Amino acid sequence: MAKAQAPMGALLAVLVVLAMSAEVAHGICNLSSDGIRACQPAAAIRNPTDQPSAACCAALAGANLPCLCRYKNAGGVWVRFYKIDINRAMGLPGKCGLALPANC
């Protein structure tokens, strides 16, 4: 039985990664993949810009910020797909004059 569970666990892990990949590719929390890309320079791991672009702020203004807070601890996904530093990314709404929820 233990041998059967190991392949099932590996399959489940692959499915979770694929589901997250598809979700990020199409955007999340009303933030499109184009919106994420617009914010990438200001949240980049290397050589970030000082301020987010107008396109980034517009994208964040239309995003579901409480929903995005749930992804705060999923840093690996952001790094892998968009080369984004999650801590910098979480500071972008404030730079755009938007407030994150208090419990974020």
PDB file of N, CA and C in Angstrom:
ATOM      1  N   MET A   1       0.814  -1.186   0.000  1.00  0.00           N
ATOM      2  CA  MET A   1       0.000   0.000   0.000  1.00  0.00           C
ATOM      3  C   MET A   1       0.861   1.256   0.000  1.00  0.00           C
ATOM      4  N   ALA A   2       1.966   1.250   0.753  1.00  0.00           N
ATOM      5  CA  ALA A   2       2.843   2.418   0.814  1.00  0.00           C
ATOM      6  C   ALA A   2       3.447   2.715  -0.549  1.00  0.00           C
ATOM      7  N   LYS A   3       3.759   1.646  -1.325  1.00  0.00           N
ATOM      8  CA  LYS A   3       4.324   1.859  -2.651  1.00  0.00           C
ATOM      9  C   LYS A   3       3.318   2.537  -3.569  1.00  0.00           C
ATOM     10  N   ALA A   4       2.057   2.231  -3.454  1.00  0.00           N
ATOM     11  CA  ALA A   4       1.022   2.843  -4.282  1.00  0.00           C
ATOM     12  C   ALA A   4       0.810   4.303  -3.892  1.00  0.00           C
ATOM     13  N   GLN A   5       0.995   4.630  -2.630  1.00  0.00           N
ATOM     14  CA  GLN A   5       0.774   6.002  -2.176  1.00  0.00           C
ATOM     15  C   GLN A   5       1.876   6.938  -2.669  1.00  0.00           C
ATOM     16  N   ALA A   6       3.092   6.466  -2.773  1.00  0.00           N
ATOM     17  CA  ALA A   6       4.197   7.322  -3.214  1.00  0.00           C
ATOM     18  C   ALA A   6       3.952   7.867  -4.627  1.00  0.00           C
ATOM     19  N   PRO A   7       3.616   7.004  -5.621  1.00  0.00           N
ATOM     20  CA  PRO A   7       3.343   7.538  -6.953  1.00  0.00           C
ATOM     21  C   PRO A   7       2.126   8.468  -6.955  1.00  0.00           C
ATOM     22  N   MET A   8       1.126   8.161  -6.151  1.00  0.00           N
ATOM     23  CA  MET A   8      -0.055   9.023  -6.097  1.00  0.00           C
ATOM     24  C   MET A   8       0.313  10.381  -5.522  1.00  0.00           C
ATOM     25  N   GLY A   9       1.195  10.405  -4.516  1.00  0.00           N
ATOM     26  CA  GLY A   9       1.636  11.672  -3.926  1.00  0.00           C
ATOM     27  C   GLY A   9       2.405  12.502  -4.932  1.00  0.00           C
ATOM     28  N   ALA A  10       3.261  11.845  -5.705  1.00  0.00           N
ATOM     29  CA  ALA A  10       4.029  12.545  -6.732  1.00  0.00           C
ATOM     30  C   ALA A  10       3.106  13.091  -7.817  1.00  0.00           C
ATOM     31  N   LEU A  11       2.125  12.311  -8.201  1.00  0.00           N
ATOM     32  CA  LEU A  11       1.159  12.748  -9.199  1.00  0.00           C
ATOM     33  C   LEU A  11       0.376  13.945  -8.687  1.00  0.00           C
ATOM     34  N   LEU A  12      -0.036  13.904  -7.452  1.00  0.00           N
ATOM     35  CA  LEU A  12      -0.774  15.009  -6.864  1.00  0.00           C
ATOM     36  C   LEU A  12       0.089  16.277  -6.862  1.00  0.00           C
ATOM     37  N   ALA A  13       1.355  16.146  -6.515  1.00  0.00           N
ATOM     38  CA  ALA A  13       2.260  17.299  -6.505  1.00  0.00           C
ATOM     39  C   ALA A  13       2.390  17.895  -7.902  1.00  0.00           C
ATOM     40  N   VAL A  14       2.522  17.055  -8.906  1.00  0.00           N
ATOM     41  CA  VAL A  14       2.619  17.534 -10.291  1.00  0.00           C
ATOM     42  C   VAL A  14       1.336  18.244 -10.699  1.00  0.00           C
ATOM     43  N   LEU A  15       0.199  17.686 -10.339  1.00  0.00           N
ATOM     44  CA  LEU A  15      -1.082  18.309 -10.680  1.00  0.00           C
ATOM     45  C   LEU A  15      -1.242  19.666 -10.018  1.00  0.00           C
ATOM     46  N   VAL A  16      -0.813  19.798  -8.776  1.00  0.00           N
ATOM     47  CA  VAL A  16      -0.894  21.078  -8.075  1.00  0.00           C
ATOM     48  C   VAL A  16      -0.014  22.109  -8.782  1.00  0.00           C
ATOM     49  N   VAL A  17       1.197  21.732  -9.148  1.00  0.00           N
ATOM     50  CA  VAL A  17       2.093  22.648  -9.850  1.00  0.00           C
ATOM     51  C   VAL A  17       1.490  23.061 -11.190  1.00  0.00           C
ATOM     52  N   LEU A  18       0.937  22.112 -11.917  1.00  0.00           N
ATOM     53  CA  LEU A  18       0.329  22.434 -13.207  1.00  0.00           C
ATOM     54  C   LEU A  18      -0.877  23.358 -13.041  1.00  0.00           C
ATOM     55  N   ALA A  19      -1.679  23.116 -12.030  1.00  0.00           N
ATOM     56  CA  ALA A  19      -2.847  23.967 -11.776  1.00  0.00           C
ATOM     57  C   ALA A  19      -2.403  25.379 -11.433  1.00  0.00           C
ATOM     58  N   MET A  20      -1.383  25.506 -10.612  1.00  0.00           N
ATOM     59  CA  MET A  20      -0.886  26.827 -10.250  1.00  0.00           C
ATOM     60  C   MET A  20      -0.274  27.512 -11.469  1.00  0.00           C
ATOM     61  N   SER A  21       0.402  26.761 -12.310  1.00  0.00           N
ATOM     62  CA  SER A  21       1.005  27.328 -13.517  1.00  0.00           C
ATOM     63  C   SER A  21      -0.071  27.892 -14.429  1.00  0.00           C
ATOM     64  N   ALA A  22      -1.131  27.147 -14.611  1.00  0.00           N
ATOM     65  CA  ALA A  22      -2.229  27.603 -15.467  1.00  0.00           C
ATOM     66  C   ALA A  22      -2.895  28.828 -14.864  1.00  0.00           C
ATOM     67  N   GLU A  23      -3.060  28.832 -13.551  1.00  0.00           N
ATOM     68  CA  GLU A  23      -3.694  29.960 -12.889  1.00  0.00           C
ATOM     69  C   GLU A  23      -2.861  31.222 -13.046  1.00  0.00           C
ATOM     70  N   VAL A  24      -1.567  31.124 -12.836  1.00  0.00           N
ATOM     71  CA  VAL A  24      -0.693  32.281 -12.963  1.00  0.00           C
ATOM     72  C   VAL A  24      -0.632  32.737 -14.408  1.00  0.00           C
ATOM     73  N   ALA A  25      -0.605  31.812 -15.349  1.00  0.00           N
ATOM     74  CA  ALA A  25      -0.516  32.165 -16.762  1.00  0.00           C
ATOM     75  C   ALA A  25      -1.717  32.990 -17.205  1.00  0.00           C
ATOM     76  N   HIS A  26      -2.866  32.774 -16.622  1.00  0.00           N
ATOM     77  CA  HIS A  26      -4.083  33.487 -17.006  1.00  0.00           C
ATOM     78  C   HIS A  26      -4.395  34.631 -16.057  1.00  0.00           C
ATOM     79  N   GLY A  27      -3.570  34.853 -15.067  1.00  0.00           N
ATOM     80  CA  GLY A  27      -3.814  35.901 -14.092  1.00  0.00           C
ATOM     81  C   GLY A  27      -4.533  35.344 -12.875  1.00  0.00           C
ATOM     82  N   ILE A  28      -4.490  36.122 -11.831  1.00  0.00           N
ATOM     83  CA  ILE A  28      -5.156  35.722 -10.584  1.00  0.00           C
ATOM     84  C   ILE A  28      -5.765  36.948  -9.933  1.00  0.00           C
ATOM     85  N   CYS A  29      -6.823  36.726  -9.206  1.00  0.00           N
ATOM     86  CA  CYS A  29      -7.438  37.767  -8.373  1.00  0.00           C
ATOM     87  C   CYS A  29      -7.740  39.038  -9.176  1.00  0.00           C
ATOM     88  N   ASN A  30      -8.263  38.880 -10.359  1.00  0.00           N
ATOM     89  CA  ASN A  30      -8.578  39.988 -11.270  1.00  0.00           C
ATOM     90  C   ASN A  30      -7.342  40.765 -11.711  1.00  0.00           C
ATOM     91  N   LEU A  31      -6.182  40.179 -11.572  1.00  0.00           N
ATOM     92  CA  LEU A  31      -4.938  40.769 -12.054  1.00  0.00           C
ATOM     93  C   LEU A  31      -4.468  39.883 -13.205  1.00  0.00           C
ATOM     94  N   SER A  32      -4.550  40.417 -14.409  1.00  0.00           N
ATOM     95  CA  SER A  32      -4.203  39.627 -15.590  1.00  0.00           C
ATOM     96  C   SER A  32      -2.707  39.372 -15.644  1.00  0.00           C
ATOM     97  N   SER A  33      -2.317  38.450 -16.484  1.00  0.00           N
ATOM     98  CA  SER A  33      -0.886  38.201 -16.663  1.00  0.00           C
ATOM     99  C   SER A  33      -0.204  39.443 -17.240  1.00  0.00           C
ATOM    100  N   ASP A  34      -0.922  40.229 -18.061  1.00  0.00           N
ATOM    101  CA  ASP A  34      -0.358  41.484 -18.561  1.00  0.00           C
ATOM    102  C   ASP A  34      -0.154  42.472 -17.406  1.00  0.00           C
ATOM    103  N   GLY A  35      -1.092  42.488 -16.477  1.00  0.00           N
ATOM    104  CA  GLY A  35      -0.963  43.352 -15.306  1.00  0.00           C
ATOM    105  C   GLY A  35       0.211  42.944 -14.432  1.00  0.00           C
ATOM    106  N   ILE A  36       0.391  41.657 -14.271  1.00  0.00           N
ATOM    107  CA  ILE A  36       1.532  41.162 -13.494  1.00  0.00           C
ATOM    108  C   ILE A  36       2.830  41.578 -14.181  1.00  0.00           C
ATOM    109  N   ARG A  37       2.872  41.421 -15.505  1.00  0.00           N
ATOM    110  CA  ARG A  37       4.074  41.814 -16.249  1.00  0.00           C
ATOM    111  C   ARG A  37       4.320  43.322 -16.156  1.00  0.00           C
ATOM    112  N   ALA A  38       3.248  44.124 -16.107  1.00  0.00           N
ATOM    113  CA  ALA A  38       3.409  45.573 -15.987  1.00  0.00           C
ATOM    114  C   ALA A  38       4.034  45.942 -14.643  1.00  0.00           C
ATOM    115  N   CYS A  39       3.775  45.135 -13.627  1.00  0.00           N
ATOM    116  CA  CYS A  39       4.317  45.398 -12.294  1.00  0.00           C
ATOM    117  C   CYS A  39       5.688  44.769 -12.078  1.00  0.00           C
ATOM    118  N   GLN A  40       6.080  43.877 -12.953  1.00  0.00           N
ATOM    119  CA  GLN A  40       7.325  43.136 -12.759  1.00  0.00           C
ATOM    120  C   GLN A  40       8.555  44.027 -12.600  1.00  0.00           C
ATOM    121  N   PRO A  41       8.727  45.090 -13.391  1.00  0.00           N
ATOM    122  CA  PRO A  41       9.948  45.895 -13.220  1.00  0.00           C
ATOM    123  C   PRO A  41      10.101  46.497 -11.815  1.00  0.00           C
ATOM    124  N   ALA A  42       8.994  46.865 -11.199  1.00  0.00           N
ATOM    125  CA  ALA A  42       9.054  47.471  -9.862  1.00  0.00           C
ATOM    126  C   ALA A  42       9.188  46.438  -8.751  1.00  0.00           C
ATOM    127  N   ALA A  43       8.927  45.180  -9.055  1.00  0.00           N
ATOM    128  CA  ALA A  43       9.020  44.121  -8.045  1.00  0.00           C
ATOM    129  C   ALA A  43      10.082  43.087  -8.422  1.00  0.00           C
ATOM    130  N   ALA A  44      10.920  43.441  -9.378  1.00  0.00           N
ATOM    131  CA  ALA A  44      11.919  42.497  -9.887  1.00  0.00           C
ATOM    132  C   ALA A  44      12.901  42.073  -8.802  1.00  0.00           C
ATOM    133  N   ILE A  45      13.374  40.855  -8.925  1.00  0.00           N
ATOM    134  CA  ILE A  45      14.375  40.341  -8.003  1.00  0.00           C
ATOM    135  C   ILE A  45      15.663  41.141  -8.154  1.00  0.00           C
ATOM    136  N   ARG A  46      16.038  41.424  -9.385  1.00  0.00           N
ATOM    137  CA  ARG A  46      17.271  42.172  -9.659  1.00  0.00           C
ATOM    138  C   ARG A  46      16.937  43.507 -10.316  1.00  0.00           C
ATOM    139  N   ASN A  47      17.590  44.546  -9.866  1.00  0.00           N
ATOM    140  CA  ASN A  47      17.475  45.885 -10.441  1.00  0.00           C
ATOM    141  C   ASN A  47      16.038  46.373 -10.592  1.00  0.00           C
ATOM    142  N   PRO A  48      15.262  46.386  -9.523  1.00  0.00           N
ATOM    143  CA  PRO A  48      13.886  46.875  -9.633  1.00  0.00           C
ATOM    144  C   PRO A  48      13.862  48.388  -9.866  1.00  0.00           C
ATOM    145  N   THR A  49      12.808  48.861 -10.518  1.00  0.00           N
ATOM    146  CA  THR A  49      12.609  50.301 -10.662  1.00  0.00           C
ATOM    147  C   THR A  49      12.128  50.852  -9.327  1.00  0.00           C
ATOM    148  N   ASP A  50      12.287  52.149  -9.138  1.00  0.00           N
ATOM    149  CA  ASP A  50      11.884  52.765  -7.868  1.00  0.00           C
ATOM    150  C   ASP A  50      10.374  52.820  -7.695  1.00  0.00           C
ATOM    151  N   GLN A  51       9.674  53.070  -8.775  1.00  0.00           N
ATOM    152  CA  GLN A  51       8.224  53.243  -8.723  1.00  0.00           C
ATOM    153  C   GLN A  51       7.535  52.347  -9.745  1.00  0.00           C
ATOM    154  N   PRO A  52       6.334  51.875  -9.420  1.00  0.00           N
ATOM    155  CA  PRO A  52       5.567  51.108 -10.408  1.00  0.00           C
ATOM    156  C   PRO A  52       5.074  52.021 -11.524  1.00  0.00           C
ATOM    157  N   SER A  53       4.875  51.449 -12.671  1.00  0.00           N
ATOM    158  CA  SER A  53       4.372  52.211 -13.820  1.00  0.00           C
ATOM    159  C   SER A  53       2.886  52.522 -13.644  1.00  0.00           C
ATOM    160  N   ALA A  54       2.397  53.438 -14.460  1.00  0.00           N
ATOM    161  CA  ALA A  54       0.967  53.752 -14.445  1.00  0.00           C
ATOM    162  C   ALA A  54       0.149  52.516 -14.817  1.00  0.00           C
ATOM    163  N   ALA A  55       0.670  51.715 -15.737  1.00  0.00           N
ATOM    164  CA  ALA A  55      -0.038  50.483 -16.140  1.00  0.00           C
ATOM    165  C   ALA A  55      -0.116  49.503 -14.971  1.00  0.00           C
ATOM    166  N   CYS A  56       0.953  49.423 -14.192  1.00  0.00           N
ATOM    167  CA  CYS A  56       0.951  48.546 -13.020  1.00  0.00           C
ATOM    168  C   CYS A  56      -0.087  49.032 -12.013  1.00  0.00           C
ATOM    169  N   CYS A  57      -0.087  50.319 -11.723  1.00  0.00           N
ATOM    170  CA  CYS A  57      -1.041  50.861 -10.746  1.00  0.00           C
ATOM    171  C   CYS A  57      -2.480  50.674 -11.214  1.00  0.00           C
ATOM    172  N   ALA A  58      -2.715  50.852 -12.510  1.00  0.00           N
ATOM    173  CA  ALA A  58      -4.062  50.628 -13.048  1.00  0.00           C
ATOM    174  C   ALA A  58      -4.466  49.166 -12.880  1.00  0.00           C
ATOM    175  N   ALA A  59      -3.525  48.265 -13.130  1.00  0.00           N
ATOM    176  CA  ALA A  59      -3.812  46.832 -12.981  1.00  0.00           C
ATOM    177  C   ALA A  59      -4.106  46.507 -11.522  1.00  0.00           C
ATOM    178  N   LEU A  60      -3.317  47.064 -10.610  1.00  0.00           N
ATOM    179  CA  LEU A  60      -3.543  46.802  -9.187  1.00  0.00           C
ATOM    180  C   LEU A  60      -4.857  47.405  -8.697  1.00  0.00           C
ATOM    181  N   ALA A  61      -5.233  48.554  -9.260  1.00  0.00           N
ATOM    182  CA  ALA A  61      -6.493  49.193  -8.869  1.00  0.00           C
ATOM    183  C   ALA A  61      -7.694  48.306  -9.203  1.00  0.00           C
ATOM    184  N   GLY A  62      -7.566  47.507 -10.257  1.00  0.00           N
ATOM    185  CA  GLY A  62      -8.652  46.601 -10.635  1.00  0.00           C
ATOM    186  C   GLY A  62      -8.541  45.221 -10.035  1.00  0.00           C
ATOM    187  N   ALA A  63      -7.466  44.976  -9.299  1.00  0.00           N
ATOM    188  CA  ALA A  63      -7.231  43.641  -8.718  1.00  0.00           C
ATOM    189  C   ALA A  63      -7.987  43.479  -7.404  1.00  0.00           C
ATOM    190  N   ASN A  64      -8.216  42.252  -7.069  1.00  0.00           N
ATOM    191  CA  ASN A  64      -8.826  41.899  -5.785  1.00  0.00           C
ATOM    192  C   ASN A  64      -7.676  41.769  -4.777  1.00  0.00           C
ATOM    193  N   LEU A  65      -7.368  42.843  -4.062  1.00  0.00           N
ATOM    194  CA  LEU A  65      -6.210  42.853  -3.168  1.00  0.00           C
ATOM    195  C   LEU A  65      -6.333  41.854  -2.021  1.00  0.00           C
ATOM    196  N   PRO A  66      -7.508  41.685  -1.395  1.00  0.00           N
ATOM    197  CA  PRO A  66      -7.597  40.640  -0.353  1.00  0.00           C
ATOM    198  C   PRO A  66      -7.267  39.246  -0.908  1.00  0.00           C
ATOM    199  N   CYS A  67      -7.663  38.991  -2.147  1.00  0.00           N
ATOM    200  CA  CYS A  67      -7.348  37.714  -2.780  1.00  0.00           C
ATOM    201  C   CYS A  67      -5.842  37.589  -2.987  1.00  0.00           C
ATOM    202  N   LEU A  68      -5.193  38.672  -3.450  1.00  0.00           N
ATOM    203  CA  LEU A  68      -3.746  38.631  -3.667  1.00  0.00           C
ATOM    204  C   LEU A  68      -2.993  38.372  -2.369  1.00  0.00           C
ATOM    205  N   CYS A  69      -3.530  38.831  -1.254  1.00  0.00           N
ATOM    206  CA  CYS A  69      -2.874  38.593   0.036  1.00  0.00           C
ATOM    207  C   CYS A  69      -2.714  37.102   0.309  1.00  0.00           C
ATOM    208  N   ARG A  70      -3.640  36.311  -0.191  1.00  0.00           N
ATOM    209  CA  ARG A  70      -3.556  34.858   0.036  1.00  0.00           C
ATOM    210  C   ARG A  70      -2.361  34.240  -0.684  1.00  0.00           C
ATOM    211  N   TYR A  71      -1.828  34.930  -1.676  1.00  0.00           N
ATOM    212  CA  TYR A  71      -0.682  34.422  -2.418  1.00  0.00           C
ATOM    213  C   TYR A  71       0.647  34.922  -1.866  1.00  0.00           C
ATOM    214  N   LYS A  72       0.595  35.680  -0.805  1.00  0.00           N
ATOM    215  CA  LYS A  72       1.802  36.282  -0.230  1.00  0.00           C
ATOM    216  C   LYS A  72       2.850  35.243   0.125  1.00  0.00           C
ATOM    217  N   ASN A  73       2.427  34.104   0.591  1.00  0.00           N
ATOM    218  CA  ASN A  73       3.366  33.058   1.000  1.00  0.00           C
ATOM    219  C   ASN A  73       3.680  32.057  -0.110  1.00  0.00           C
ATOM    220  N   ALA A  74       3.237  32.356  -1.319  1.00  0.00           N
ATOM    221  CA  ALA A  74       3.519  31.471  -2.456  1.00  0.00           C
ATOM    222  C   ALA A  74       4.637  32.072  -3.299  1.00  0.00           C
ATOM    223  N   GLY A  75       5.667  32.557  -2.647  1.00  0.00           N
ATOM    224  CA  GLY A  75       6.748  33.254  -3.322  1.00  0.00           C
ATOM    225  C   GLY A  75       7.375  32.488  -4.475  1.00  0.00           C
ATOM    226  N   GLY A  76       7.501  31.173  -4.357  1.00  0.00           N
ATOM    227  CA  GLY A  76       8.130  30.377  -5.399  1.00  0.00           C
ATOM    228  C   GLY A  76       7.439  30.499  -6.738  1.00  0.00           C
ATOM    229  N   VAL A  77       6.125  30.603  -6.728  1.00  0.00           N
ATOM    230  CA  VAL A  77       5.366  30.733  -7.969  1.00  0.00           C
ATOM    231  C   VAL A  77       5.716  32.051  -8.644  1.00  0.00           C
ATOM    232  N   TRP A  78       5.771  33.132  -7.881  1.00  0.00           N
ATOM    233  CA  TRP A  78       6.073  34.446  -8.447  1.00  0.00           C
ATOM    234  C   TRP A  78       7.503  34.498  -8.970  1.00  0.00           C
ATOM    235  N   VAL A  79       8.404  33.917  -8.232  1.00  0.00           N
ATOM    236  CA  VAL A  79       9.806  33.916  -8.639  1.00  0.00           C
ATOM    237  C   VAL A  79       9.970  33.120  -9.923  1.00  0.00           C
ATOM    238  N   ARG A  80       9.399  31.950  -9.961  1.00  0.00           N
ATOM    239  CA  ARG A  80       9.572  31.062 -11.112  1.00  0.00           C
ATOM    240  C   ARG A  80       8.979  31.652 -12.399  1.00  0.00           C
ATOM    241  N   PHE A  81       7.795  32.210 -12.341  1.00  0.00           N
ATOM    242  CA  PHE A  81       7.126  32.657 -13.555  1.00  0.00           C
ATOM    243  C   PHE A  81       7.420  34.100 -13.933  1.00  0.00           C
ATOM    244  N   TYR A  82       7.582  34.956 -12.938  1.00  0.00           N
ATOM    245  CA  TYR A  82       7.701  36.378 -13.244  1.00  0.00           C
ATOM    246  C   TYR A  82       8.967  37.037 -12.695  1.00  0.00           C
ATOM    247  N   LYS A  83       9.821  36.284 -12.015  1.00  0.00           N
ATOM    248  CA  LYS A  83      11.051  36.830 -11.430  1.00  0.00           C
ATOM    249  C   LYS A  83      10.738  38.017 -10.513  1.00  0.00           C
ATOM    250  N   ILE A  84       9.701  37.847  -9.688  1.00  0.00           N
ATOM    251  CA  ILE A  84       9.220  38.888  -8.781  1.00  0.00           C
ATOM    252  C   ILE A  84       9.615  38.565  -7.347  1.00  0.00           C
ATOM    253  N   ASP A  85      10.094  39.578  -6.643  1.00  0.00           N
ATOM    254  CA  ASP A  85      10.358  39.491  -5.213  1.00  0.00           C
ATOM    255  C   ASP A  85       9.033  39.782  -4.512  1.00  0.00           C
ATOM    256  N   ILE A  86       8.504  38.806  -3.804  1.00  0.00           N
ATOM    257  CA  ILE A  86       7.168  38.937  -3.218  1.00  0.00           C
ATOM    258  C   ILE A  86       7.095  40.090  -2.223  1.00  0.00           C
ATOM    259  N   ASN A  87       8.166  40.359  -1.496  1.00  0.00           N
ATOM    260  CA  ASN A  87       8.139  41.463  -0.536  1.00  0.00           C
ATOM    261  C   ASN A  87       8.032  42.807  -1.256  1.00  0.00           C
ATOM    262  N   ARG A  88       8.751  42.959  -2.353  1.00  0.00           N
ATOM    263  CA  ARG A  88       8.617  44.183  -3.154  1.00  0.00           C
ATOM    264  C   ARG A  88       7.218  44.274  -3.753  1.00  0.00           C
ATOM    265  N   ALA A  89       6.723  43.147  -4.232  1.00  0.00           N
ATOM    266  CA  ALA A  89       5.394  43.127  -4.845  1.00  0.00           C
ATOM    267  C   ALA A  89       4.316  43.553  -3.854  1.00  0.00           C
ATOM    268  N   MET A  90       4.443  43.120  -2.609  1.00  0.00           N
ATOM    269  CA  MET A  90       3.437  43.469  -1.607  1.00  0.00           C
ATOM    270  C   MET A  90       3.491  44.962  -1.248  1.00  0.00           C
ATOM    271  N   GLY A  91       4.587  45.633  -1.578  1.00  0.00           N
ATOM    272  CA  GLY A  91       4.695  47.066  -1.340  1.00  0.00           C
ATOM    273  C   GLY A  91       4.152  47.919  -2.479  1.00  0.00           C
ATOM    274  N   LEU A  92       3.874  47.314  -3.617  1.00  0.00           N
ATOM    275  CA  LEU A  92       3.427  48.084  -4.778  1.00  0.00           C
ATOM    276  C   LEU A  92       2.076  48.765  -4.581  1.00  0.00           C
ATOM    277  N   PRO A  93       1.076  48.114  -3.999  1.00  0.00           N
ATOM    278  CA  PRO A  93      -0.195  48.830  -3.823  1.00  0.00           C
ATOM    279  C   PRO A  93      -0.021  50.150  -3.063  1.00  0.00           C
ATOM    280  N   GLY A  94       0.787  50.154  -2.026  1.00  0.00           N
ATOM    281  CA  GLY A  94       1.027  51.383  -1.277  1.00  0.00           C
ATOM    282  C   GLY A  94       1.664  52.461  -2.139  1.00  0.00           C
ATOM    283  N   LYS A  95       2.588  52.066  -3.008  1.00  0.00           N
ATOM    284  CA  LYS A  95       3.233  53.027  -3.914  1.00  0.00           C
ATOM    285  C   LYS A  95       2.255  53.557  -4.952  1.00  0.00           C
ATOM    286  N   CYS A  96       1.160  52.823  -5.159  1.00  0.00           N
ATOM    287  CA  CYS A  96       0.130  53.244  -6.107  1.00  0.00           C
ATOM    288  C   CYS A  96      -1.028  53.964  -5.399  1.00  0.00           C
ATOM    289  N   GLY A  97      -0.877  54.202  -4.107  1.00  0.00           N
ATOM    290  CA  GLY A  97      -1.929  54.873  -3.354  1.00  0.00           C
ATOM    291  C   GLY A  97      -3.087  53.967  -2.981  1.00  0.00           C
ATOM    292  N   LEU A  98      -2.849  52.667  -3.013  1.00  0.00           N
ATOM    293  CA  LEU A  98      -3.885  51.691  -2.653  1.00  0.00           C
ATOM    294  C   LEU A  98      -3.539  51.079  -1.299  1.00  0.00           C
ATOM    295  N   ALA A  99      -4.546  50.707  -0.564  1.00  0.00           N
ATOM    296  CA  ALA A  99      -4.303  50.099   0.755  1.00  0.00           C
ATOM    297  C   ALA A  99      -4.570  48.602   0.703  1.00  0.00           C
ATOM    298  N   LEU A 100      -3.612  47.835   1.209  1.00  0.00           N
ATOM    299  CA  LEU A 100      -3.835  46.404   1.386  1.00  0.00           C
ATOM    300  C   LEU A 100      -4.708  46.201   2.616  1.00  0.00           C
ATOM    301  N   PRO A 101      -5.460  45.122   2.667  1.00  0.00           N
ATOM    302  CA  PRO A 101      -6.240  44.841   3.870  1.00  0.00           C
ATOM    303  C   PRO A 101      -5.346  44.760   5.096  1.00  0.00           C
ATOM    304  N   ALA A 102      -5.875  45.128   6.237  1.00  0.00           N
ATOM    305  CA  ALA A 102      -5.097  45.147   7.468  1.00  0.00           C
ATOM    306  C   ALA A 102      -4.525  43.777   7.819  1.00  0.00           C
ATOM    307  N   ASN A 103      -5.234  42.720   7.486  1.00  0.00           N
ATOM    308  CA  ASN A 103      -4.787  41.367   7.842  1.00  0.00           C
ATOM    309  C   ASN A 103      -3.944  40.712   6.758  1.00  0.00           C
ATOM    310  N   CYS A 104      -3.422  41.509   5.848  1.00  0.00           N
ATOM    311  CA  CYS A 104      -2.618  40.951   4.749  1.00  0.00           C
ATOM    312  C   CYS A 104      -1.190  40.742   5.188  1.00  0.00           C
TER     313      CYS A 104
END
